[in-house]
Amino acid sequence: MKTDPLEFADRVGAELARLLGERSRAELLALTQTEQFAAALGAALICTAEVLRDPVERGATPAKMAALCAKQIEGLLNQVRPRRHP
């Protein structure tokens, strides 16, 4: 049975986000929010860079891969709405 790429992305992305959140709460509570954000983002970017390693090794430019990521991230963030503060 062939796996649907979008279903895979949703399922595995949610798993990775859950694991990152759990580890962040367990290990980074003593840090400031800015430091927590930088550490979590760094972890996510290392994972992203590892995914992109193969295309870059096959000749895709890092700039092209970064632009692709930026476009996808922007699309995901466009769905986010600001929190309303009472």
C-alpha atoms as a PDB file:
ATOM      1  CA  MET A   1       0.000   0.000   0.000  1.00  0.00           C
ATOM      2  CA  LYS A   2       1.402   3.393  -1.039  1.00  0.00           C
ATOM      3  CA  THR A   3       1.686   6.046   1.682  1.00  0.00           C
ATOM      4  CA  ASP A   4       0.082   9.416   0.983  1.00  0.00           C
ATOM      5  CA  PRO A   5       2.856  12.058   1.237  1.00  0.00           C
ATOM      6  CA  LEU A   6       0.560  14.638   2.869  1.00  0.00           C
ATOM      7  CA  GLU A   7      -0.710  12.131   5.435  1.00  0.00           C
ATOM      8  CA  PHE A   8       2.891  11.130   6.161  1.00  0.00           C
ATOM      9  CA  ALA A   9       3.929  14.778   6.588  1.00  0.00           C
ATOM     10  CA  ASP A  10       0.992  15.504   8.923  1.00  0.00           C
ATOM     11  CA  ARG A  11       1.476  12.359  11.016  1.00  0.00           C
ATOM     12  CA  VAL A  12       5.263  12.419  11.332  1.00  0.00           C
ATOM     13  CA  GLY A  13       5.380  16.213  11.664  1.00  0.00           C
ATOM     14  CA  ALA A  14       2.960  16.001  14.599  1.00  0.00           C
ATOM     15  CA  GLU A  15       5.097  13.260  16.182  1.00  0.00           C
ATOM     16  CA  LEU A  16       8.271  15.333  15.814  1.00  0.00           C
ATOM     17  CA  ALA A  17       6.567  18.453  17.202  1.00  0.00           C
ATOM     18  CA  ARG A  18       5.215  16.478  20.175  1.00  0.00           C
ATOM     19  CA  LEU A  19       8.640  14.999  20.929  1.00  0.00           C
ATOM     20  CA  LEU A  20      10.330  18.395  20.619  1.00  0.00           C
ATOM     21  CA  GLY A  21       7.731  19.952  22.922  1.00  0.00           C
ATOM     22  CA  GLU A  22       8.118  17.203  25.525  1.00  0.00           C
ATOM     23  CA  ARG A  23      11.910  17.429  25.485  1.00  0.00           C
ATOM     24  CA  SER A  24      11.795  21.228  25.632  1.00  0.00           C
ATOM     25  CA  ARG A  25       9.493  21.182  28.671  1.00  0.00           C
ATOM     26  CA  ALA A  26      11.650  18.538  30.365  1.00  0.00           C
ATOM     27  CA  GLU A  27      15.065  20.036  29.669  1.00  0.00           C
ATOM     28  CA  LEU A  28      14.775  23.754  28.946  1.00  0.00           C
ATOM     29  CA  LEU A  29      12.575  25.147  31.727  1.00  0.00           C
ATOM     30  CA  ALA A  30      15.520  26.872  33.431  1.00  0.00           C
ATOM     31  CA  LEU A  31      16.182  28.940  30.293  1.00  0.00           C
ATOM     32  CA  THR A  32      14.543  32.194  29.276  1.00  0.00           C
ATOM     33  CA  GLN A  33      11.779  32.033  26.665  1.00  0.00           C
ATOM     34  CA  THR A  34      14.200  33.419  24.090  1.00  0.00           C
ATOM     35  CA  GLU A  35      16.751  30.728  24.899  1.00  0.00           C
ATOM     36  CA  GLN A  36      14.049  28.030  24.808  1.00  0.00           C
ATOM     37  CA  PHE A  37      12.889  29.285  21.406  1.00  0.00           C
ATOM     38  CA  ALA A  38      16.459  29.350  20.038  1.00  0.00           C
ATOM     39  CA  ALA A  39      17.181  25.827  21.292  1.00  0.00           C
ATOM     40  CA  ALA A  40      13.927  24.350  19.939  1.00  0.00           C
ATOM     41  CA  LEU A  41      14.343  26.120  16.604  1.00  0.00           C
ATOM     42  CA  GLY A  42      17.943  24.919  16.396  1.00  0.00           C
ATOM     43  CA  ALA A  43      16.821  21.324  16.959  1.00  0.00           C
ATOM     44  CA  ALA A  44      14.133  21.624  14.281  1.00  0.00           C
ATOM     45  CA  LEU A  45      16.602  23.168  11.824  1.00  0.00           C
ATOM     46  CA  ILE A  46      19.145  20.398  12.375  1.00  0.00           C
ATOM     47  CA  CYS A  47      16.420  17.901  11.494  1.00  0.00           C
ATOM     48  CA  THR A  48      15.489  19.965   8.422  1.00  0.00           C
ATOM     49  CA  ALA A  49      19.122  20.232   7.312  1.00  0.00           C
ATOM     50  CA  GLU A  50      19.498  16.458   7.566  1.00  0.00           C
ATOM     51  CA  VAL A  51      16.453  15.991   5.319  1.00  0.00           C
ATOM     52  CA  LEU A  52      17.985  18.430   2.818  1.00  0.00           C
ATOM     53  CA  ARG A  53      21.453  16.873   2.901  1.00  0.00           C
ATOM     54  CA  ASP A  54      20.713  14.309   0.160  1.00  0.00           C
ATOM     55  CA  PRO A  55      19.329  16.804  -2.401  1.00  0.00           C
ATOM     56  CA  VAL A  56      22.291  19.130  -1.773  1.00  0.00           C
ATOM     57  CA  GLU A  57      24.740  16.245  -2.140  1.00  0.00           C
ATOM     58  CA  ARG A  58      23.038  15.454  -5.467  1.00  0.00           C
ATOM     59  CA  GLY A  59      23.584  19.032  -6.674  1.00  0.00           C
ATOM     60  CA  ALA A  60      20.673  21.189  -5.466  1.00  0.00           C
ATOM     61  CA  THR A  61      21.933  24.490  -4.132  1.00  0.00           C
ATOM     62  CA  PRO A  62      21.489  25.277  -0.448  1.00  0.00           C
ATOM     63  CA  ALA A  63      19.819  28.560  -1.465  1.00  0.00           C
ATOM     64  CA  LYS A  64      17.215  26.685  -3.534  1.00  0.00           C
ATOM     65  CA  MET A  65      16.490  24.277  -0.684  1.00  0.00           C
ATOM     66  CA  ALA A  66      16.271  27.147   1.842  1.00  0.00           C
ATOM     67  CA  ALA A  67      13.852  29.010  -0.442  1.00  0.00           C
ATOM     68  CA  LEU A  68      11.679  25.908  -0.740  1.00  0.00           C
ATOM     69  CA  CYS A  69      11.619  25.581   3.048  1.00  0.00           C
ATOM     70  CA  ALA A  70      10.831  29.269   3.515  1.00  0.00           C
ATOM     71  CA  LYS A  71       7.877  29.014   1.137  1.00  0.00           C
ATOM     72  CA  GLN A  72       6.484  25.958   2.941  1.00  0.00           C
ATOM     73  CA  ILE A  73       6.992  27.499   6.393  1.00  0.00           C
ATOM     74  CA  GLU A  74       5.282  30.711   5.290  1.00  0.00           C
ATOM     75  CA  GLY A  75       2.327  28.687   4.007  1.00  0.00           C
ATOM     76  CA  LEU A  76       2.023  26.884   7.341  1.00  0.00           C
ATOM     77  CA  LEU A  77       2.366  30.079   9.379  1.00  0.00           C
ATOM     78  CA  ASN A  78      -0.223  31.888   7.272  1.00  0.00           C
ATOM     79  CA  GLN A  79      -2.765  29.545   8.891  1.00  0.00           C
ATOM     80  CA  VAL A  80      -1.862  30.782  12.399  1.00  0.00           C
ATOM     81  CA  ARG A  81      -3.986  33.495  13.960  1.00  0.00           C
ATOM     82  CA  PRO A  82      -2.745  35.802  16.738  1.00  0.00           C
ATOM     83  CA  ARG A  83      -3.903  35.007  20.254  1.00  0.00           C
ATOM     84  CA  ARG A  84      -6.396  37.391  21.771  1.00  0.00           C
ATOM     85  CA  HIS A  85      -5.329  38.679  25.130  1.00  0.00           C
ATOM     86  CA  PRO A  86      -8.094  39.609  27.603  1.00  0.00           C
END
